[in-house]
Amino acid sequence: MRSGLAFLLLCLVSIPQAPALLANAPGAAQIYTDVPSSPDRAARYIFYLHGAIVERMGRQAVHPEYGAYEYDAIVKALAEAGFVVISEIRTGNPVRPADYAAKVAGQVTKLLAAGLPPEHVAVIGHSKGGVIALLAAAINNPRINYAVMAGCLRSGPQPGAELLSKVRGRILSIYDESDREAGSCKAIFTPAREVVLKVGLGHGVFFKPRKEWLDPVLDWARCIDCPK
C-alpha cells in the first residue's frame, strides 16, 4: 500500500506545470493556454482564436443556424496535425480585439525570443478571432504565418480599422462564398492568398474541423511554399 501511494505521489509531482488543456504525455497532443515556459525550438506553434459566439456562450456554444461550435475538436485537430497549440476561451464583457491582439503579439514575441524561427509560428482565427489575428499581424514580425477565416466583414465598419492599415506579413484569407456576414479581405488589405470555399455552410463552415478549411490553413501554417 505504501509503495503504491509513493508511486501515485511521484506521478502527481511529475505533472507538467505549464498551463495546458490536455495532458502532455510523450507523443500526446500538446494544447496549452499560454506559451510553455521552455518552448521547443524545433516544434511548430499555432495560435487558435475562436469566434465571438464562444466568447459569449462558452465552450458549449451553439448557434441557432450553424449548430455547435466544436472548439475542443478544432484545437485537437490542430494538435494532431503536428502543431503545439496555444488557445484559450476568451472571457470578458466583451473582449476588445486590439487588447487581445496585443496579448497574442506578446506571446509570439516570447516564442521568437526563445529562438523559434518566425516561419514556425502561425496565428489563425475565425470571425472575431480572425479580426484579432489581423490586428496581431499589424504589430508582429512579418514572417509569421497568419490565417483569417471569415474575419473581413461584407459591410459596415471593420473592427480595429485604425490598425489595419499597418497589417503586414504572410496572411491567408479564407471564407465560404455563401457567407452572409464575411467575405473577401481585398477591400481592407491585400492578402498573400485568398481562398473561396464552396461548401455552402456560410459562416458556420468554421464551426467544425472540416478538411475543406483545415487542409489549406494547415498548409499555410506549415509555410510549405515559403521562400527557402
Protein backbone atom coordinates (compact mmCIF):
# COMPACT_ATOMS: atom_id res chain seq x y z
CA MET A 1 0.00 0.00 0.00
CA ARG A 2 2.80 2.37 0.92
CA SER A 3 4.69 1.68 -2.31
CA GLY A 4 1.51 2.31 -4.30
CA LEU A 5 0.94 5.63 -2.52
CA ALA A 6 4.55 6.65 -3.11
CA PHE A 7 4.16 5.91 -6.84
CA LEU A 8 0.97 7.99 -7.02
CA LEU A 9 2.65 10.94 -5.31
CA LEU A 10 5.59 10.68 -7.71
CA CYS A 11 3.22 10.81 -10.66
CA LEU A 12 1.44 13.86 -9.25
CA VAL A 13 4.59 15.88 -8.70
CA SER A 14 5.78 14.95 -12.20
CA ILE A 15 2.80 16.56 -13.96
CA PRO A 16 3.94 19.50 -16.18
CA GLN A 17 3.20 22.86 -14.62
CA ALA A 18 2.70 24.79 -17.88
CA PRO A 19 -0.97 25.73 -18.42
CA ALA A 20 -2.40 23.02 -20.65
CA LEU A 21 -5.85 21.98 -21.83
CA LEU A 22 -4.83 18.37 -22.44
CA ALA A 23 -2.32 16.09 -20.73
CA ASN A 24 1.04 16.40 -22.44
CA ALA A 25 2.39 12.87 -22.13
CA PRO A 26 5.12 11.92 -24.63
CA GLY A 27 3.51 11.65 -28.05
CA ALA A 28 0.23 13.19 -26.88
CA ALA A 29 -1.38 16.25 -28.40
CA GLN A 30 0.11 19.41 -26.94
CA ILE A 31 -2.51 22.09 -26.28
CA TYR A 32 -1.68 24.99 -23.98
CA THR A 33 -3.50 28.08 -22.77
CA ASP A 34 -0.24 30.07 -22.80
CA VAL A 35 3.30 29.82 -24.11
CA PRO A 36 5.15 26.96 -22.37
CA SER A 37 7.94 28.06 -20.05
CA SER A 38 10.51 26.19 -22.16
CA PRO A 39 9.36 26.23 -25.80
CA ASP A 40 10.63 23.51 -28.11
CA ARG A 41 12.61 25.37 -30.76
CA ALA A 42 12.20 22.52 -33.23
CA ALA A 43 8.39 22.47 -32.97
CA ARG A 44 5.79 24.41 -34.93
CA TYR A 45 3.38 26.51 -32.89
CA ILE A 46 -0.12 27.62 -33.83
CA PHE A 47 -2.35 30.09 -32.00
CA TYR A 48 -6.07 29.42 -32.49
CA LEU A 49 -8.50 32.31 -31.89
CA HIS A 50 -12.16 31.28 -31.79
CA GLY A 51 -15.24 33.19 -32.90
CA ALA A 52 -17.27 35.61 -30.77
CA ILE A 53 -20.00 33.07 -30.01
CA VAL A 54 -17.60 31.07 -27.80
CA GLU A 55 -16.65 34.26 -26.01
CA ARG A 56 -20.34 34.89 -25.26
CA MET A 57 -21.59 31.35 -24.61
CA GLY A 58 -18.51 29.41 -23.53
CA ARG A 59 -17.09 26.06 -24.55
CA GLN A 60 -20.52 24.53 -25.31
CA ALA A 61 -21.65 27.37 -27.61
CA VAL A 62 -24.46 26.55 -30.03
CA HIS A 63 -25.68 28.80 -32.85
CA PRO A 64 -29.38 28.54 -33.84
CA GLU A 65 -28.47 28.17 -37.52
CA TYR A 66 -24.94 26.76 -37.61
CA GLY A 67 -25.14 24.39 -34.65
CA ALA A 68 -22.45 23.62 -32.07
CA TYR A 69 -19.12 25.41 -32.22
CA GLU A 70 -16.74 22.47 -31.75
CA TYR A 71 -13.89 24.36 -30.12
CA ASP A 72 -12.27 21.35 -28.46
CA ALA A 73 -12.44 19.27 -31.65
CA ILE A 74 -10.80 22.10 -33.60
CA VAL A 75 -7.84 22.58 -31.27
CA LYS A 76 -7.41 18.81 -31.05
CA ALA A 77 -7.32 18.56 -34.86
CA LEU A 78 -4.65 21.27 -35.00
CA ALA A 79 -2.55 19.43 -32.41
CA GLU A 80 -2.98 16.07 -34.15
CA ALA A 81 -1.66 17.71 -37.33
CA GLY A 82 1.66 18.13 -35.52
CA PHE A 83 1.42 21.61 -34.02
CA VAL A 84 1.87 22.77 -30.47
CA VAL A 85 -1.42 24.63 -29.99
CA ILE A 86 -1.86 27.73 -27.86
CA SER A 87 -5.50 28.63 -27.33
CA GLU A 88 -7.93 29.63 -24.61
CA ILE A 89 -11.58 30.55 -24.18
CA ARG A 90 -11.59 34.34 -24.13
CA THR A 91 -13.60 35.89 -21.32
CA GLY A 92 -14.69 39.49 -20.96
CA ASN A 93 -17.62 41.82 -21.38
CA PRO A 94 -16.75 41.87 -24.24
CA VAL A 95 -13.06 41.35 -25.11
CA ARG A 96 -11.64 44.27 -27.10
CA PRO A 97 -9.93 42.88 -30.24
CA ALA A 98 -6.99 45.31 -30.03
CA ASP A 99 -6.35 44.40 -26.39
CA TYR A 100 -6.33 40.68 -27.06
CA ALA A 101 -4.21 41.15 -30.20
CA ALA A 102 -1.58 42.84 -28.02
CA LYS A 103 -1.64 39.81 -25.71
CA VAL A 104 -1.16 37.42 -28.64
CA ALA A 105 1.64 39.58 -30.03
CA GLY A 106 3.37 39.38 -26.65
CA GLN A 107 3.05 35.58 -26.63
CA VAL A 108 4.51 35.39 -30.13
CA THR A 109 7.39 37.58 -29.02
CA LYS A 110 8.16 35.08 -26.23
CA LEU A 111 8.43 32.28 -28.77
CA LEU A 112 10.72 34.31 -31.02
CA ALA A 113 12.85 35.30 -28.03
CA ALA A 114 13.21 31.59 -27.20
CA GLY A 115 14.81 31.07 -30.60
CA LEU A 116 11.94 29.86 -32.77
CA PRO A 117 12.12 30.85 -36.45
CA PRO A 118 9.18 33.15 -37.31
CA GLU A 119 8.16 30.69 -40.04
CA HIS A 120 7.47 28.11 -37.31
CA VAL A 121 4.77 30.27 -35.72
CA ALA A 122 1.22 30.70 -37.04
CA VAL A 123 -1.72 32.76 -35.77
CA ILE A 124 -5.14 31.75 -37.09
CA GLY A 125 -8.58 32.99 -36.15
CA HIS A 126 -12.23 32.68 -37.10
CA SER A 127 -14.67 35.62 -37.26
CA LYS A 128 -13.80 37.88 -34.29
CA GLY A 129 -10.76 35.67 -33.81
CA GLY A 130 -9.80 36.50 -37.40
CA VAL A 131 -10.02 40.21 -36.62
CA ILE A 132 -7.74 39.66 -33.64
CA ALA A 133 -5.28 37.75 -35.84
CA LEU A 134 -5.21 40.64 -38.31
CA LEU A 135 -4.58 43.16 -35.55
CA ALA A 136 -1.76 40.97 -34.22
CA ALA A 137 -0.31 40.99 -37.73
CA ALA A 138 -0.13 44.77 -37.51
CA ILE A 139 2.37 44.60 -34.66
CA ASN A 140 4.22 41.30 -35.13
CA ASN A 141 7.12 40.01 -37.23
CA PRO A 142 6.02 39.99 -40.90
CA ARG A 143 7.43 36.47 -41.38
CA ILE A 144 4.82 34.97 -39.03
CA ASN A 145 2.09 32.93 -40.78
CA TYR A 146 -1.46 34.28 -40.35
CA ALA A 147 -4.83 32.96 -41.46
CA VAL A 148 -8.05 34.95 -41.15
CA MET A 149 -11.15 32.77 -41.51
CA ALA A 150 -14.28 34.77 -42.31
CA GLY A 151 -12.90 37.77 -40.46
CA CYS A 152 -13.45 40.54 -43.02
CA LEU A 153 -16.99 41.94 -42.91
CA ARG A 154 -19.03 42.28 -46.10
CA SER A 155 -20.47 45.60 -44.91
CA GLY A 156 -20.22 48.09 -42.09
CA PRO A 157 -17.12 49.33 -40.27
CA GLN A 158 -14.37 46.75 -39.80
CA PRO A 159 -13.34 46.41 -36.11
CA GLY A 160 -9.87 47.79 -35.48
CA ALA A 161 -9.83 49.66 -38.78
CA GLU A 162 -7.32 52.17 -37.40
CA LEU A 163 -4.70 49.40 -37.14
CA LEU A 164 -5.47 47.52 -40.33
CA SER A 165 -3.50 49.96 -42.46
CA LYS A 166 -0.45 48.54 -40.66
CA VAL A 167 -1.26 44.89 -41.34
CA ARG A 168 1.79 43.11 -42.67
CA GLY A 169 3.04 39.60 -43.02
CA ARG A 170 2.16 36.37 -44.72
CA ILE A 171 -1.63 36.39 -44.49
CA LEU A 172 -4.15 33.89 -45.84
CA SER A 173 -7.79 34.94 -46.16
CA ILE A 174 -10.35 32.14 -46.39
CA TYR A 175 -14.15 32.26 -46.37
CA ASP A 176 -17.20 30.45 -47.76
CA GLU A 177 -18.84 32.10 -50.76
CA SER A 178 -22.31 31.68 -49.18
CA ASP A 179 -21.29 33.58 -46.00
CA ARG A 180 -23.70 36.48 -45.47
CA GLU A 181 -21.53 38.11 -42.78
CA ALA A 182 -17.93 37.93 -44.01
CA GLY A 183 -16.23 37.82 -47.38
CA SER A 184 -13.14 38.96 -49.23
CA CYS A 185 -10.47 40.89 -47.36
CA LYS A 186 -9.22 42.61 -50.53
CA ALA A 187 -11.13 45.83 -49.82
CA ILE A 188 -9.34 46.11 -46.47
CA PHE A 189 -5.82 44.89 -47.26
CA THR A 190 -4.05 42.72 -49.82
CA PRO A 191 -3.76 39.14 -48.54
CA ALA A 192 -0.89 36.99 -49.76
CA ARG A 193 -3.51 34.43 -50.77
CA GLU A 194 -7.30 34.28 -50.66
CA VAL A 195 -9.29 31.04 -50.79
CA VAL A 196 -13.02 30.98 -51.50
CA LEU A 197 -14.73 27.82 -50.27
CA LYS A 198 -17.84 26.44 -51.94
CA VAL A 199 -19.15 24.30 -49.08
CA GLY A 200 -22.40 26.25 -48.78
CA LEU A 201 -22.37 26.49 -44.97
CA GLY A 202 -21.61 30.18 -44.73
CA HIS A 203 -20.11 31.46 -41.51
CA GLY A 204 -20.72 28.10 -39.89
CA VAL A 205 -18.25 26.20 -42.07
CA PHE A 206 -15.56 27.01 -39.50
CA PHE A 207 -17.59 25.74 -36.53
CA LYS A 208 -16.12 22.25 -37.01
CA PRO A 209 -12.68 20.99 -38.07
CA ARG A 210 -13.75 20.36 -41.67
CA LYS A 211 -10.98 19.38 -44.07
CA GLU A 212 -12.22 21.95 -46.61
CA TRP A 213 -10.78 24.77 -44.50
CA LEU A 214 -8.44 22.83 -42.24
CA ASP A 215 -6.20 21.50 -45.03
CA PRO A 216 -5.41 24.86 -46.67
CA VAL A 217 -4.96 26.56 -43.30
CA LEU A 218 -2.59 23.85 -42.08
CA ASP A 219 -0.58 24.00 -45.30
CA TRP A 220 -0.32 27.75 -44.85
CA ALA A 221 0.73 27.40 -41.21
CA ARG A 222 3.41 24.88 -42.21
CA CYS A 223 4.80 27.50 -44.57
CA ILE A 224 5.39 24.83 -47.20
CA ASP A 225 5.56 27.40 -50.03
CA CYS A 226 7.66 29.95 -48.15
CA PRO A 227 10.90 31.09 -49.78
CA LYS A 228 13.83 28.95 -48.67
